[in-house]
Amino acid sequence: MSLRQRRILLLLHLFFASIMLGGQATFILLALTASVTDSDSVLRACYTIMHLLAASSVRASTIGTTVTGILLSVLTSWGLFRYYWLIAKEILTLLAIGIGFVGIYEWTLRGVEQTDKAGLQAWEAAGFSVNHTWLWIGILLQALSLLAMFALSVWKPGGRRGRRTAV
């Protein structure tokens, strides 16, 4: 892989990762707004926007980051399992995929359904507060895993895994 190709791939990887991080910041703001609003329309809008993001940019940026990350690992000297920090990023990526594709998508969908039916009265409905709490947990875990992946990419701790010797 030429230096130019590597740089283009790295730029794409950073682009998708930036979308993921920006999406998480948006989720935090919308979930916070949903938590404190006294307006039916604002509560509905927060859940509708979060669900739209979960169904679109979260999925696209997660897929884009994962694909470009794998390509960077396989097509360069980094390798997929050569360094501890890369293995940690791969585990965090699996967590991010699970939380984003399944958790946040489902929690926002339930929120949309409940707020469409009841507006602010959804807070009094069975399960809405629990769903909102799980959404918050997912958003915070997602944000922490993304920040950890960024930190691992910058500091690259742990070094290279030991070479195996023939028995």
Protein backbone atom coordinates (compact mmCIF):
# COMPACT_ATOMS: atom_id res chain seq x y z
CA MET A 1 0.00 0.00 0.00
CA SER A 2 1.43 3.35 -1.01
CA LEU A 3 1.79 6.22 1.44
CA ARG A 4 -0.90 8.15 -0.43
CA GLN A 5 -3.36 5.24 -0.23
CA ARG A 6 -2.61 4.77 3.47
CA ARG A 7 -3.23 8.46 4.15
CA ILE A 8 -6.54 8.41 2.26
CA LEU A 9 -7.64 5.33 4.22
CA LEU A 10 -6.55 6.95 7.50
CA LEU A 11 -8.42 10.15 6.58
CA LEU A 12 -11.59 8.13 5.92
CA HIS A 13 -11.13 6.31 9.22
CA LEU A 14 -10.79 9.60 11.10
CA PHE A 15 -13.79 11.04 9.22
CA PHE A 16 -16.05 8.16 10.28
CA ALA A 17 -14.69 8.20 13.84
CA SER A 18 -15.41 11.93 14.06
CA ILE A 19 -18.99 11.35 12.95
CA MET A 20 -19.33 8.71 15.68
CA LEU A 21 -17.99 11.06 18.35
CA GLY A 22 -20.15 13.96 17.17
CA GLY A 23 -23.17 11.67 17.16
CA GLN A 24 -22.48 10.69 20.76
CA ALA A 25 -22.23 14.33 21.80
CA THR A 26 -25.59 14.91 20.11
CA PHE A 27 -27.11 11.93 21.92
CA ILE A 28 -25.94 13.30 25.27
CA LEU A 29 -27.51 16.70 24.57
CA LEU A 30 -30.79 15.20 23.34
CA ALA A 31 -31.07 12.71 26.21
CA LEU A 32 -30.35 15.48 28.70
CA THR A 33 -33.00 17.68 27.08
CA ALA A 34 -35.50 14.80 27.12
CA SER A 35 -34.75 14.27 30.81
CA VAL A 36 -35.62 17.83 31.85
CA THR A 37 -38.17 19.14 29.35
CA ASP A 38 -41.72 20.04 30.27
CA SER A 39 -42.89 20.09 26.65
CA ASP A 40 -44.62 17.22 24.83
CA SER A 41 -43.25 18.31 21.47
CA VAL A 42 -39.66 18.66 22.73
CA LEU A 43 -39.75 15.20 24.34
CA ARG A 44 -41.11 13.67 21.12
CA ALA A 45 -38.57 15.56 19.01
CA CYS A 46 -35.65 14.41 21.19
CA TYR A 47 -36.61 10.76 20.87
CA THR A 48 -37.42 11.07 17.16
CA ILE A 49 -34.05 12.68 16.40
CA MET A 50 -32.15 10.16 18.54
CA HIS A 51 -33.90 7.30 16.76
CA LEU A 52 -33.18 8.84 13.36
CA LEU A 53 -29.50 9.15 14.29
CA ALA A 54 -29.43 5.57 15.63
CA ALA A 55 -30.90 4.30 12.37
CA SER A 56 -28.65 6.33 10.07
CA SER A 57 -25.41 8.09 11.00
CA VAL A 58 -24.59 5.81 13.95
CA ARG A 59 -24.83 2.75 11.73
CA ALA A 60 -23.04 4.30 8.76
CA SER A 61 -20.19 5.74 10.83
CA THR A 62 -19.78 2.52 12.83
CA ILE A 63 -19.60 0.43 9.66
CA GLY A 64 -17.26 2.95 7.99
CA THR A 65 -14.93 3.13 10.99
CA THR A 66 -14.88 -0.65 11.40
CA VAL A 67 -14.19 -1.36 7.72
CA THR A 68 -11.46 1.29 7.41
CA GLY A 69 -9.93 0.17 10.72
CA ILE A 70 -9.75 -3.45 9.56
CA LEU A 71 -8.26 -2.37 6.22
CA LEU A 72 -5.65 -0.22 7.99
CA SER A 73 -4.72 -3.17 10.21
CA VAL A 74 -4.56 -5.76 7.44
CA LEU A 75 -2.94 -3.63 4.73
CA THR A 76 -0.25 -2.05 6.93
CA SER A 77 2.33 -3.32 9.38
CA TRP A 78 -0.05 -2.93 12.35
CA GLY A 79 -1.79 -6.28 11.87
CA LEU A 80 -5.03 -7.28 13.57
CA PHE A 81 -3.62 -8.94 16.70
CA ARG A 82 -0.02 -7.75 16.85
CA TYR A 83 -0.46 -5.01 19.46
CA TYR A 84 -2.37 -4.99 22.74
CA TRP A 85 -3.85 -1.55 22.10
CA LEU A 86 -5.29 -2.75 18.78
CA ILE A 87 -6.88 -5.76 20.45
CA ALA A 88 -8.40 -3.44 23.06
CA LYS A 89 -9.78 -1.22 20.27
CA GLU A 90 -11.27 -4.26 18.55
CA ILE A 91 -13.04 -5.32 21.76
CA LEU A 92 -14.32 -1.77 22.30
CA THR A 93 -15.49 -1.71 18.67
CA LEU A 94 -17.56 -4.86 19.25
CA LEU A 95 -19.06 -3.19 22.33
CA ALA A 96 -19.84 -0.05 20.30
CA ILE A 97 -21.49 -2.13 17.56
CA GLY A 98 -23.67 -3.96 20.09
CA ILE A 99 -24.68 -0.82 21.96
CA GLY A 100 -25.28 1.29 18.85
CA PHE A 101 -26.89 -1.20 16.48
CA VAL A 102 -29.07 -2.96 19.03
CA GLY A 103 -29.31 -1.08 22.31
CA ILE A 104 -29.60 2.58 21.38
CA TYR A 105 -31.70 1.76 18.33
CA GLU A 106 -34.23 -0.26 20.37
CA TRP A 107 -34.31 2.13 23.36
CA THR A 108 -34.95 5.14 21.13
CA LEU A 109 -37.60 3.23 19.16
CA ARG A 110 -39.44 2.39 22.39
CA GLY A 111 -39.14 6.02 23.45
CA VAL A 112 -40.57 7.23 20.13
CA GLU A 113 -43.50 4.81 20.40
CA GLN A 114 -44.28 5.80 23.99
CA THR A 115 -43.93 9.56 23.49
CA ASP A 116 -46.06 9.43 20.33
CA LYS A 117 -48.85 7.81 22.36
CA ALA A 118 -48.59 9.73 25.61
CA GLY A 119 -46.28 12.74 25.25
CA LEU A 120 -45.05 13.86 28.68
CA GLN A 121 -47.43 11.37 30.29
CA ALA A 122 -45.04 8.67 29.03
CA TRP A 123 -42.99 9.32 32.19
CA GLU A 124 -45.90 7.87 34.16
CA ALA A 125 -46.27 4.83 31.89
CA ALA A 126 -44.81 1.51 32.93
CA GLY A 127 -41.28 1.07 31.70
CA PHE A 128 -40.60 4.49 30.19
CA SER A 129 -38.25 5.63 32.98
CA VAL A 130 -36.48 2.27 32.91
CA ASN A 131 -36.09 2.52 29.12
CA HIS A 132 -34.76 6.08 29.46
CA THR A 133 -32.27 4.93 32.11
CA TRP A 134 -31.04 2.12 29.85
CA LEU A 135 -30.72 4.63 27.01
CA TRP A 136 -28.55 6.84 29.25
CA ILE A 137 -26.40 3.86 30.26
CA GLY A 138 -25.94 2.93 26.59
CA ILE A 139 -25.10 6.49 25.58
CA LEU A 140 -22.53 6.86 28.37
CA LEU A 141 -20.94 3.45 27.70
CA GLN A 142 -20.77 4.29 24.01
CA ALA A 143 -19.19 7.69 24.71
CA LEU A 144 -16.64 6.20 27.13
CA SER A 145 -15.72 3.42 24.70
CA LEU A 146 -15.23 5.96 21.89
CA LEU A 147 -13.06 8.17 24.08
CA ALA A 148 -11.05 5.11 25.11
CA MET A 149 -10.56 4.15 21.45
CA PHE A 150 -9.35 7.66 20.65
CA ALA A 151 -6.94 7.55 23.62
CA LEU A 152 -5.64 4.11 22.60
CA SER A 153 -5.03 5.39 19.07
CA VAL A 154 -3.02 8.35 20.34
CA TRP A 155 -0.95 6.73 23.11
CA LYS A 156 -0.79 3.11 21.85
CA PRO A 157 -0.07 1.62 25.30
CA GLY A 158 0.99 -1.93 26.01
CA GLY A 159 3.32 -2.39 23.10
CA ARG A 160 3.63 -5.42 20.90
CA ARG A 161 2.48 -8.88 21.88
CA GLY A 162 5.23 -11.41 22.48
CA ARG A 163 6.33 -13.63 19.65
CA ARG A 164 5.47 -17.29 19.95
CA THR A 165 8.28 -19.79 20.03
CA ALA A 166 8.16 -23.21 18.48
CA VAL A 167 7.63 -26.05 20.94
